[in-house]
Amino acid sequence: MRFTPGQGERAYPAINHPLRSDTDVVLSRIGENHYNLMLGEEVVEFDANGDCFFNATARGLNEGPASERFSMQGLRNDLADYIDLHPEVHDYLVGATLRASASAL
């Protein structure tokens, strides 16, 4: 899945995406709530401990050219701040429990 603000989302096999870039962070969803990171042909596995999405994303961002270093907790905090500042995204959250969880991040 590739998300670009203002454009519709489309799912492609990662290798076939028409806008694929060497700087893309590619995650593989291997379970209902479990993600691994794809680094070229290498699969970087993460424990299914509730943090795998953020750990995989942080590792992928840190592999790229950005000078900023990303962490699981930093990404969680940034996401929670974004949700707090943009109430329109609440419609996309699943249930009140998730909203409460996001605020607690």
PDB file of N, CA and C in Angstrom:
ATOM      1  N   MET A   1       0.854  -1.156   0.000  1.00  0.00           N
ATOM      2  CA  MET A   1       0.000   0.000   0.000  1.00  0.00           C
ATOM      3  C   MET A   1       0.904   1.224   0.000  1.00  0.00           C
ATOM      4  N   ARG A   2       0.586   2.174  -0.793  1.00  0.00           N
ATOM      5  CA  ARG A   2       1.349   3.423  -0.797  1.00  0.00           C
ATOM      6  C   ARG A   2       0.366   4.538  -0.522  1.00  0.00           C
ATOM      7  N   PHE A   3       0.656   5.353   0.480  1.00  0.00           N
ATOM      8  CA  PHE A   3      -0.215   6.471   0.815  1.00  0.00           C
ATOM      9  C   PHE A   3       0.438   7.756   0.361  1.00  0.00           C
ATOM     10  N   THR A   4      -0.293   8.516  -0.428  1.00  0.00           N
ATOM     11  CA  THR A   4       0.134   9.841  -0.851  1.00  0.00           C
ATOM     12  C   THR A   4      -1.021  10.779  -0.565  1.00  0.00           C
ATOM     13  N   PRO A   5      -0.825  11.786   0.284  1.00  0.00           N
ATOM     14  CA  PRO A   5      -1.931  12.702   0.611  1.00  0.00           C
ATOM     15  C   PRO A   5      -2.585  13.254  -0.651  1.00  0.00           C
ATOM     16  N   GLY A   6      -3.908  13.253  -0.644  1.00  0.00           N
ATOM     17  CA  GLY A   6      -4.671  13.787  -1.763  1.00  0.00           C
ATOM     18  C   GLY A   6      -4.888  12.809  -2.898  1.00  0.00           C
ATOM     19  N   GLN A   7      -4.332  11.616  -2.796  1.00  0.00           N
ATOM     20  CA  GLN A   7      -4.512  10.611  -3.835  1.00  0.00           C
ATOM     21  C   GLN A   7      -5.138   9.362  -3.233  1.00  0.00           C
ATOM     22  N   GLY A   8      -5.845   8.626  -4.061  1.00  0.00           N
ATOM     23  CA  GLY A   8      -6.438   7.382  -3.602  1.00  0.00           C
ATOM     24  C   GLY A   8      -5.373   6.354  -3.275  1.00  0.00           C
ATOM     25  N   GLU A   9      -5.688   5.459  -2.357  1.00  0.00           N
ATOM     26  CA  GLU A   9      -4.742   4.399  -2.005  1.00  0.00           C
ATOM     27  C   GLU A   9      -4.947   3.222  -2.946  1.00  0.00           C
ATOM     28  N   ARG A  10      -3.850   2.624  -3.339  1.00  0.00           N
ATOM     29  CA  ARG A  10      -3.894   1.433  -4.179  1.00  0.00           C
ATOM     30  C   ARG A  10      -2.897   0.433  -3.636  1.00  0.00           C
ATOM     31  N   ALA A  11      -3.265  -0.821  -3.693  1.00  0.00           N
ATOM     32  CA  ALA A  11      -2.361  -1.877  -3.239  1.00  0.00           C
ATOM     33  C   ALA A  11      -1.712  -2.525  -4.461  1.00  0.00           C
ATOM     34  N   TYR A  12      -0.410  -2.716  -4.379  1.00  0.00           N
ATOM     35  CA  TYR A  12       0.369  -3.379  -5.415  1.00  0.00           C
ATOM     36  C   TYR A  12       1.344  -4.317  -4.719  1.00  0.00           C
ATOM     37  N   PRO A  13       1.764  -5.376  -5.390  1.00  0.00           N
ATOM     38  CA  PRO A  13       2.931  -6.082  -4.856  1.00  0.00           C
ATOM     39  C   PRO A  13       4.093  -5.086  -4.825  1.00  0.00           C
ATOM     40  N   ALA A  14       4.858  -5.072  -3.760  1.00  0.00           N
ATOM     41  CA  ALA A  14       5.894  -4.050  -3.567  1.00  0.00           C
ATOM     42  C   ALA A  14       6.813  -3.921  -4.772  1.00  0.00           C
ATOM     43  N   ILE A  15       7.155  -5.013  -5.392  1.00  0.00           N
ATOM     44  CA  ILE A  15       8.096  -4.990  -6.512  1.00  0.00           C
ATOM     45  C   ILE A  15       7.498  -4.315  -7.736  1.00  0.00           C
ATOM     46  N   ASN A  16       6.149  -4.296  -7.868  1.00  0.00           N
ATOM     47  CA  ASN A  16       5.493  -3.802  -9.073  1.00  0.00           C
ATOM     48  C   ASN A  16       4.913  -2.401  -8.941  1.00  0.00           C
ATOM     49  N   HIS A  17       5.093  -1.759  -7.824  1.00  0.00           N
ATOM     50  CA  HIS A  17       4.452  -0.460  -7.649  1.00  0.00           C
ATOM     51  C   HIS A  17       5.002   0.538  -8.666  1.00  0.00           C
ATOM     52  N   PRO A  18       4.116   1.214  -9.403  1.00  0.00           N
ATOM     53  CA  PRO A  18       4.597   2.110 -10.465  1.00  0.00           C
ATOM     54  C   PRO A  18       5.373   3.326  -9.953  1.00  0.00           C
ATOM     55  N   LEU A  19       5.202   3.692  -8.708  1.00  0.00           N
ATOM     56  CA  LEU A  19       5.905   4.850  -8.143  1.00  0.00           C
ATOM     57  C   LEU A  19       6.987   4.436  -7.156  1.00  0.00           C
ATOM     58  N   ARG A  20       7.388   3.183  -7.199  1.00  0.00           N
ATOM     59  CA  ARG A  20       8.376   2.665  -6.246  1.00  0.00           C
ATOM     60  C   ARG A  20       9.662   3.483  -6.277  1.00  0.00           C
ATOM     61  N   SER A  21      10.198   3.728  -5.096  1.00  0.00           N
ATOM     62  CA  SER A  21      11.427   4.499  -4.956  1.00  0.00           C
ATOM     63  C   SER A  21      12.374   3.746  -4.027  1.00  0.00           C
ATOM     64  N   ASP A  22      13.662   3.968  -4.193  1.00  0.00           N
ATOM     65  CA  ASP A  22      14.645   3.317  -3.321  1.00  0.00           C
ATOM     66  C   ASP A  22      14.527   3.799  -1.880  1.00  0.00           C
ATOM     67  N   THR A  23      13.874   4.931  -1.655  1.00  0.00           N
ATOM     68  CA  THR A  23      13.736   5.458  -0.293  1.00  0.00           C
ATOM     69  C   THR A  23      12.432   5.034   0.371  1.00  0.00           C
ATOM     70  N   ASP A  24      11.602   4.246  -0.317  1.00  0.00           N
ATOM     71  CA  ASP A  24      10.350   3.776   0.292  1.00  0.00           C
ATOM     72  C   ASP A  24      10.636   2.882   1.486  1.00  0.00           C
ATOM     73  N   VAL A  25       9.810   2.991   2.502  1.00  0.00           N
ATOM     74  CA  VAL A  25       9.828   2.060   3.626  1.00  0.00           C
ATOM     75  C   VAL A  25       8.725   1.050   3.334  1.00  0.00           C
ATOM     76  N   VAL A  26       9.111  -0.213   3.152  1.00  0.00           N
ATOM     77  CA  VAL A  26       8.164  -1.247   2.758  1.00  0.00           C
ATOM     78  C   VAL A  26       7.985  -2.217   3.918  1.00  0.00           C
ATOM     79  N   LEU A  27       6.735  -2.299   4.412  1.00  0.00           N
ATOM     80  CA  LEU A  27       6.398  -3.231   5.479  1.00  0.00           C
ATOM     81  C   LEU A  27       5.595  -4.375   4.891  1.00  0.00           C
ATOM     82  N   SER A  28       5.782  -5.539   5.460  1.00  0.00           N
ATOM     83  CA  SER A  28       5.026  -6.712   5.077  1.00  0.00           C
ATOM     84  C   SER A  28       4.132  -7.091   6.250  1.00  0.00           C
ATOM     85  N   ARG A  29       2.826  -7.097   5.999  1.00  0.00           N
ATOM     86  CA  ARG A  29       1.884  -7.491   7.056  1.00  0.00           C
ATOM     87  C   ARG A  29       1.770  -9.005   7.016  1.00  0.00           C
ATOM     88  N   ILE A  30       2.229  -9.652   8.090  1.00  0.00           N
ATOM     89  CA  ILE A  30       2.253 -11.114   8.092  1.00  0.00           C
ATOM     90  C   ILE A  30       1.221 -11.724   9.034  1.00  0.00           C
ATOM     91  N   GLY A  31       0.481 -10.885   9.727  1.00  0.00           N
ATOM     92  CA  GLY A  31      -0.575 -11.332  10.617  1.00  0.00           C
ATOM     93  C   GLY A  31      -1.547 -10.185  10.823  1.00  0.00           C
ATOM     94  N   GLU A  32      -2.586 -10.437  11.592  1.00  0.00           N
ATOM     95  CA  GLU A  32      -3.600  -9.401  11.777  1.00  0.00           C
ATOM     96  C   GLU A  32      -2.996  -8.083  12.252  1.00  0.00           C
ATOM     97  N   ASN A  33      -2.100  -8.144  13.195  1.00  0.00           N
ATOM     98  CA  ASN A  33      -1.434  -6.946  13.698  1.00  0.00           C
ATOM     99  C   ASN A  33       0.064  -7.193  13.841  1.00  0.00           C
ATOM    100  N   HIS A  34       0.662  -7.769  12.799  1.00  0.00           N
ATOM    101  CA  HIS A  34       2.087  -8.077  12.864  1.00  0.00           C
ATOM    102  C   HIS A  34       2.757  -7.700  11.551  1.00  0.00           C
ATOM    103  N   TYR A  35       3.853  -6.936  11.660  1.00  0.00           N
ATOM    104  CA  TYR A  35       4.545  -6.408  10.493  1.00  0.00           C
ATOM    105  C   TYR A  35       6.034  -6.708  10.557  1.00  0.00           C
ATOM    106  N   ASN A  36       6.618  -6.946   9.398  1.00  0.00           N
ATOM    107  CA  ASN A  36       8.058  -7.042   9.232  1.00  0.00           C
ATOM    108  C   ASN A  36       8.484  -5.992   8.223  1.00  0.00           C
ATOM    109  N   LEU A  37       9.775  -5.725   8.161  1.00  0.00           N
ATOM    110  CA  LEU A  37      10.330  -4.734   7.252  1.00  0.00           C
ATOM    111  C   LEU A  37      10.996  -5.430   6.083  1.00  0.00           C
ATOM    112  N   MET A  38      10.768  -4.918   4.881  1.00  0.00           N
ATOM    113  CA  MET A  38      11.427  -5.419   3.682  1.00  0.00           C
ATOM    114  C   MET A  38      12.533  -4.433   3.325  1.00  0.00           C
ATOM    115  N   LEU A  39      13.773  -4.905   3.383  1.00  0.00           N
ATOM    116  CA  LEU A  39      14.926  -4.096   2.958  1.00  0.00           C
ATOM    117  C   LEU A  39      15.500  -4.746   1.711  1.00  0.00           C
ATOM    118  N   GLY A  40      15.068  -4.288   0.558  1.00  0.00           N
ATOM    119  CA  GLY A  40      15.441  -4.951  -0.691  1.00  0.00           C
ATOM    120  C   GLY A  40      14.881  -6.357  -0.685  1.00  0.00           C
ATOM    121  N   GLU A  41      15.736  -7.336  -0.799  1.00  0.00           N
ATOM    122  CA  GLU A  41      15.315  -8.738  -0.765  1.00  0.00           C
ATOM    123  C   GLU A  41      15.317  -9.310   0.653  1.00  0.00           C
ATOM    124  N   GLU A  42      15.871  -8.571   1.601  1.00  0.00           N
ATOM    125  CA  GLU A  42      15.982  -9.043   2.987  1.00  0.00           C
ATOM    126  C   GLU A  42      14.702  -8.741   3.762  1.00  0.00           C
ATOM    127  N   VAL A  43      14.273  -9.715   4.564  1.00  0.00           N
ATOM    128  CA  VAL A  43      13.140  -9.525   5.464  1.00  0.00           C
ATOM    129  C   VAL A  43      13.695  -9.358   6.871  1.00  0.00           C
ATOM    130  N   VAL A  44      13.408  -8.216   7.484  1.00  0.00           N
ATOM    131  CA  VAL A  44      13.832  -7.966   8.866  1.00  0.00           C
ATOM    132  C   VAL A  44      12.620  -8.254   9.742  1.00  0.00           C
ATOM    133  N   GLU A  45      12.733  -9.276  10.578  1.00  0.00           N
ATOM    134  CA  GLU A  45      11.609  -9.713  11.413  1.00  0.00           C
ATOM    135  C   GLU A  45      11.595  -8.973  12.737  1.00  0.00           C
ATOM    136  N   PHE A  46      10.391  -8.715  13.228  1.00  0.00           N
ATOM    137  CA  PHE A  46      10.191  -8.060  14.515  1.00  0.00           C
ATOM    138  C   PHE A  46       9.245  -8.905  15.352  1.00  0.00           C
ATOM    139  N   ASP A  47       9.468  -8.903  16.658  1.00  0.00           N
ATOM    140  CA  ASP A  47       8.589  -9.625  17.569  1.00  0.00           C
ATOM    141  C   ASP A  47       7.182  -9.049  17.500  1.00  0.00           C
ATOM    142  N   ALA A  48       6.192  -9.933  17.612  1.00  0.00           N
ATOM    143  CA  ALA A  48       4.789  -9.510  17.637  1.00  0.00           C
ATOM    144  C   ALA A  48       4.444  -9.109  19.064  1.00  0.00           C
ATOM    145  N   ASN A  49       4.931  -7.944  19.463  1.00  0.00           N
ATOM    146  CA  ASN A  49       4.773  -7.513  20.856  1.00  0.00           C
ATOM    147  C   ASN A  49       3.959  -6.230  21.002  1.00  0.00           C
ATOM    148  N   GLY A  50       3.250  -5.842  19.944  1.00  0.00           N
ATOM    149  CA  GLY A  50       2.469  -4.612  19.990  1.00  0.00           C
ATOM    150  C   GLY A  50       3.237  -3.399  19.486  1.00  0.00           C
ATOM    151  N   ASP A  51       4.527  -3.558  19.271  1.00  0.00           N
ATOM    152  CA  ASP A  51       5.353  -2.451  18.788  1.00  0.00           C
ATOM    153  C   ASP A  51       5.937  -2.717  17.411  1.00  0.00           C
ATOM    154  N   CYS A  52       5.619  -3.851  16.779  1.00  0.00           N
ATOM    155  CA  CYS A  52       6.305  -4.245  15.547  1.00  0.00           C
ATOM    156  C   CYS A  52       6.093  -3.244  14.411  1.00  0.00           C
ATOM    157  N   PHE A  53       4.896  -2.654  14.287  1.00  0.00           N
ATOM    158  CA  PHE A  53       4.668  -1.673  13.232  1.00  0.00           C
ATOM    159  C   PHE A  53       5.607  -0.480  13.403  1.00  0.00           C
ATOM    160  N   PHE A  54       5.667   0.047  14.618  1.00  0.00           N
ATOM    161  CA  PHE A  54       6.490   1.231  14.870  1.00  0.00           C
ATOM    162  C   PHE A  54       7.979   0.893  14.836  1.00  0.00           C
ATOM    163  N   ASN A  55       8.362  -0.281  15.332  1.00  0.00           N
ATOM    164  CA  ASN A  55       9.767  -0.694  15.256  1.00  0.00           C
ATOM    165  C   ASN A  55      10.209  -0.879  13.803  1.00  0.00           C
ATOM    166  N   ALA A  56       9.369  -1.524  12.995  1.00  0.00           N
ATOM    167  CA  ALA A  56       9.698  -1.747  11.587  1.00  0.00           C
ATOM    168  C   ALA A  56       9.775  -0.418  10.834  1.00  0.00           C
ATOM    169  N   THR A  57       8.838   0.471  11.101  1.00  0.00           N
ATOM    170  CA  THR A  57       8.838   1.773  10.433  1.00  0.00           C
ATOM    171  C   THR A  57      10.063   2.586  10.831  1.00  0.00           C
ATOM    172  N   ALA A  58      10.387   2.621  12.115  1.00  0.00           N
ATOM    173  CA  ALA A  58      11.560   3.373  12.584  1.00  0.00           C
ATOM    174  C   ALA A  58      12.832   2.815  11.953  1.00  0.00           C
ATOM    175  N   ARG A  59      12.966   1.497  11.927  1.00  0.00           N
ATOM    176  CA  ARG A  59      14.169   0.885  11.329  1.00  0.00           C
ATOM    177  C   ARG A  59      14.262   1.234   9.848  1.00  0.00           C
ATOM    178  N   GLY A  60      13.130   1.162   9.144  1.00  0.00           N
ATOM    179  CA  GLY A  60      13.122   1.490   7.727  1.00  0.00           C
ATOM    180  C   GLY A  60      13.500   2.941   7.475  1.00  0.00           C
ATOM    181  N   LEU A  61      12.969   3.855   8.280  1.00  0.00           N
ATOM    182  CA  LEU A  61      13.319   5.273   8.137  1.00  0.00           C
ATOM    183  C   LEU A  61      14.789   5.508   8.446  1.00  0.00           C
ATOM    184  N   ASN A  62      15.309   4.802   9.436  1.00  0.00           N
ATOM    185  CA  ASN A  62      16.719   4.967   9.815  1.00  0.00           C
ATOM    186  C   ASN A  62      17.673   4.386   8.771  1.00  0.00           C
ATOM    187  N   GLU A  63      17.191   3.492   7.918  1.00  0.00           N
ATOM    188  CA  GLU A  63      18.018   2.929   6.846  1.00  0.00           C
ATOM    189  C   GLU A  63      18.154   3.907   5.685  1.00  0.00           C
ATOM    190  N   GLY A  64      17.283   4.908   5.632  1.00  0.00           N
ATOM    191  CA  GLY A  64      17.272   5.848   4.517  1.00  0.00           C
ATOM    192  C   GLY A  64      18.224   7.012   4.710  1.00  0.00           C
ATOM    193  N   PRO A  65      18.141   8.000   3.819  1.00  0.00           N
ATOM    194  CA  PRO A  65      19.090   9.112   3.813  1.00  0.00           C
ATOM    195  C   PRO A  65      18.802  10.202   4.851  1.00  0.00           C
ATOM    196  N   ALA A  66      17.708  10.106   5.589  1.00  0.00           N
ATOM    197  CA  ALA A  66      17.357  11.163   6.548  1.00  0.00           C
ATOM    198  C   ALA A  66      18.418  11.274   7.638  1.00  0.00           C
ATOM    199  N   SER A  67      18.714  12.491   8.026  1.00  0.00           N
ATOM    200  CA  SER A  67      19.707  12.691   9.083  1.00  0.00           C
ATOM    201  C   SER A  67      19.083  12.498  10.464  1.00  0.00           C
ATOM    202  N   GLU A  68      17.765  12.639  10.549  1.00  0.00           N
ATOM    203  CA  GLU A  68      17.066  12.439  11.817  1.00  0.00           C
ATOM    204  C   GLU A  68      17.038  10.957  12.154  1.00  0.00           C
ATOM    205  N   ARG A  69      17.166  10.625  13.433  1.00  0.00           N
ATOM    206  CA  ARG A  69      17.054   9.239  13.878  1.00  0.00           C
ATOM    207  C   ARG A  69      15.657   9.038  14.445  1.00  0.00           C
ATOM    208  N   PHE A  70      15.015   7.945  14.071  1.00  0.00           N
ATOM    209  CA  PHE A  70      13.648   7.658  14.485  1.00  0.00           C
ATOM    210  C   PHE A  70      13.649   6.519  15.490  1.00  0.00           C
ATOM    211  N   SER A  71      12.681   6.558  16.409  1.00  0.00           N
ATOM    212  CA  SER A  71      12.520   5.494  17.399  1.00  0.00           C
ATOM    213  C   SER A  71      11.054   5.091  17.452  1.00  0.00           C
ATOM    214  N   MET A  72      10.818   3.903  17.972  1.00  0.00           N
ATOM    215  CA  MET A  72       9.452   3.419  18.128  1.00  0.00           C
ATOM    216  C   MET A  72       8.647   4.387  18.975  1.00  0.00           C
ATOM    217  N   GLN A  73       9.178   4.777  20.131  1.00  0.00           N
ATOM    218  CA  GLN A  73       8.421   5.659  21.027  1.00  0.00           C
ATOM    219  C   GLN A  73       8.244   7.052  20.420  1.00  0.00           C
ATOM    220  N   GLY A  74       9.254   7.537  19.718  1.00  0.00           N
ATOM    221  CA  GLY A  74       9.132   8.834  19.062  1.00  0.00           C
ATOM    222  C   GLY A  74       8.032   8.842  18.012  1.00  0.00           C
ATOM    223  N   LEU A  75       7.935   7.764  17.215  1.00  0.00           N
ATOM    224  CA  LEU A  75       6.870   7.672  16.213  1.00  0.00           C
ATOM    225  C   LEU A  75       5.507   7.572  16.868  1.00  0.00           C
ATOM    226  N   ARG A  76       5.403   6.795  17.950  1.00  0.00           N
ATOM    227  CA  ARG A  76       4.131   6.700  18.685  1.00  0.00           C
ATOM    228  C   ARG A  76       3.711   8.077  19.207  1.00  0.00           C
ATOM    229  N   ASN A  77       4.658   8.799  19.779  1.00  0.00           N
ATOM    230  CA  ASN A  77       4.356  10.127  20.322  1.00  0.00           C
ATOM    231  C   ASN A  77       3.933  11.092  19.212  1.00  0.00           C
ATOM    232  N   ASP A  78       4.650  11.061  18.088  1.00  0.00           N
ATOM    233  CA  ASP A  78       4.307  11.935  16.967  1.00  0.00           C
ATOM    234  C   ASP A  78       2.913  11.625  16.435  1.00  0.00           C
ATOM    235  N   LEU A  79       2.575  10.342  16.337  1.00  0.00           N
ATOM    236  CA  LEU A  79       1.249   9.957  15.859  1.00  0.00           C
ATOM    237  C   LEU A  79       0.164  10.430  16.825  1.00  0.00           C
ATOM    238  N   ALA A  80       0.387  10.246  18.117  1.00  0.00           N
ATOM    239  CA  ALA A  80      -0.590  10.694  19.114  1.00  0.00           C
ATOM    240  C   ALA A  80      -0.774  12.209  19.040  1.00  0.00           C
ATOM    241  N   ASP A  81       0.316  12.946  18.869  1.00  0.00           N
ATOM    242  CA  ASP A  81       0.221  14.407  18.736  1.00  0.00           C
ATOM    243  C   ASP A  81      -0.566  14.781  17.488  1.00  0.00           C
ATOM    244  N   TYR A  82      -0.325  14.086  16.391  1.00  0.00           N
ATOM    245  CA  TYR A  82      -1.035  14.366  15.143  1.00  0.00           C
ATOM    246  C   TYR A  82      -2.537  14.124  15.324  1.00  0.00           C
ATOM    247  N   ILE A  83      -2.887  13.014  15.956  1.00  0.00           N
ATOM    248  CA  ILE A  83      -4.299  12.697  16.184  1.00  0.00           C
ATOM    249  C   ILE A  83      -4.947  13.769  17.055  1.00  0.00           C
ATOM    250  N   ASP A  84      -4.251  14.208  18.087  1.00  0.00           N
ATOM    251  CA  ASP A  84      -4.790  15.258  18.952  1.00  0.00           C
ATOM    252  C   ASP A  84      -5.024  16.559  18.196  1.00  0.00           C
ATOM    253  N   LEU A  85      -4.143  16.880  17.262  1.00  0.00           N
ATOM    254  CA  LEU A  85      -4.236  18.137  16.510  1.00  0.00           C
ATOM    255  C   LEU A  85      -5.174  18.068  15.309  1.00  0.00           C
ATOM    256  N   HIS A  86      -5.562  16.874  14.900  1.00  0.00           N
ATOM    257  CA  HIS A  86      -6.400  16.690  13.714  1.00  0.00           C
ATOM    258  C   HIS A  86      -7.601  15.810  14.049  1.00  0.00           C
ATOM    259  N   PRO A  87      -8.616  16.372  14.689  1.00  0.00           N
ATOM    260  CA  PRO A  87      -9.767  15.564  15.102  1.00  0.00           C
ATOM    261  C   PRO A  87     -10.506  14.899  13.940  1.00  0.00           C
ATOM    262  N   GLU A  88     -10.303  15.375  12.715  1.00  0.00           N
ATOM    263  CA  GLU A  88     -10.974  14.753  11.572  1.00  0.00           C
ATOM    264  C   GLU A  88     -10.516  13.314  11.340  1.00  0.00           C
ATOM    265  N   VAL A  89      -9.363  12.934  11.840  1.00  0.00           N
ATOM    266  CA  VAL A  89      -8.914  11.550  11.663  1.00  0.00           C
ATOM    267  C   VAL A  89      -9.594  10.603  12.635  1.00  0.00           C
ATOM    268  N   HIS A  90     -10.265  11.117  13.631  1.00  0.00           N
ATOM    269  CA  HIS A  90     -10.961  10.255  14.601  1.00  0.00           C
ATOM    270  C   HIS A  90     -11.964   9.342  13.909  1.00  0.00           C
ATOM    271  N   ASP A  91     -12.541   9.797  12.788  1.00  0.00           N
ATOM    272  CA  ASP A  91     -13.504   8.969  12.057  1.00  0.00           C
ATOM    273  C   ASP A  91     -12.858   7.697  11.507  1.00  0.00           C
ATOM    274  N   TYR A  92     -11.547   7.706  11.362  1.00  0.00           N
ATOM    275  CA  TYR A  92     -10.846   6.553  10.808  1.00  0.00           C
ATOM    276  C   TYR A  92     -10.318   5.615  11.888  1.00  0.00           C
ATOM    277  N   LEU A  93     -10.431   6.011  13.137  1.00  0.00           N
ATOM    278  CA  LEU A  93      -9.984   5.167  14.245  1.00  0.00           C
ATOM    279  C   LEU A  93     -11.076   4.173  14.579  1.00  0.00           C
ATOM    280  N   VAL A  94     -10.679   3.031  15.077  1.00  0.00           N
ATOM    281  CA  VAL A  94     -11.641   1.964  15.359  1.00  0.00           C
ATOM    282  C   VAL A  94     -12.062   2.049  16.816  1.00  0.00           C
ATOM    283  N   GLY A  95     -13.264   2.520  17.042  1.00  0.00           N
ATOM    284  CA  GLY A  95     -13.861   2.517  18.376  1.00  0.00           C
ATOM    285  C   GLY A  95     -13.259   3.504  19.349  1.00  0.00           C
ATOM    286  N   ALA A  96     -13.995   3.739  20.414  1.00  0.00           N
ATOM    287  CA  ALA A  96     -13.574   4.678  21.449  1.00  0.00           C
ATOM    288  C   ALA A  96     -12.338   4.187  22.191  1.00  0.00           C
ATOM    289  N   THR A  97     -12.177   2.873  22.304  1.00  0.00           N
ATOM    290  CA  THR A  97     -11.018   2.330  23.004  1.00  0.00           C
ATOM    291  C   THR A  97      -9.729   2.732  22.313  1.00  0.00           C
ATOM    292  N   LEU A  98      -9.729   2.691  20.986  1.00  0.00           N
ATOM    293  CA  LEU A  98      -8.540   3.093  20.244  1.00  0.00           C
ATOM    294  C   LEU A  98      -8.275   4.586  20.421  1.00  0.00           C
ATOM    295  N   ARG A  99      -9.329   5.396  20.420  1.00  0.00           N
ATOM    296  CA  ARG A  99      -9.156   6.832  20.634  1.00  0.00           C
ATOM    297  C   ARG A  99      -8.519   7.092  21.994  1.00  0.00           C
ATOM    298  N   ALA A 100      -8.987   6.386  23.008  1.00  0.00           N
ATOM    299  CA  ALA A 100      -8.419   6.549  24.349  1.00  0.00           C
ATOM    300  C   ALA A 100      -6.967   6.080  24.368  1.00  0.00           C
ATOM    301  N   SER A 101      -6.678   4.991  23.669  1.00  0.00           N
ATOM    302  CA  SER A 101      -5.309   4.477  23.616  1.00  0.00           C
ATOM    303  C   SER A 101      -4.384   5.469  22.912  1.00  0.00           C
ATOM    304  N   ALA A 102      -4.862   6.071  21.820  1.00  0.00           N
ATOM    305  CA  ALA A 102      -4.046   7.032  21.077  1.00  0.00           C
ATOM    306  C   ALA A 102      -3.742   8.248  21.943  1.00  0.00           C
ATOM    307  N   SER A 103      -4.718   8.696  22.701  1.00  0.00           N
ATOM    308  CA  SER A 103      -4.479   9.842  23.577  1.00  0.00           C
ATOM    309  C   SER A 103      -3.487   9.524  24.682  1.00  0.00           C
ATOM    310  N   ALA A 104      -3.446   8.255  25.085  1.00  0.00           N
ATOM    311  CA  ALA A 104      -2.538   7.848  26.153  1.00  0.00           C
ATOM    312  C   ALA A 104      -1.105   7.679  25.665  1.00  0.00           C
ATOM    313  N   LEU A 105      -0.905   7.613  24.329  1.00  0.00           N
ATOM    314  CA  LEU A 105       0.456   7.451  23.805  1.00  0.00           C
ATOM    315  C   LEU A 105       1.223   8.662  24.142  1.00  0.00           C
TER     316      LEU A 105
END
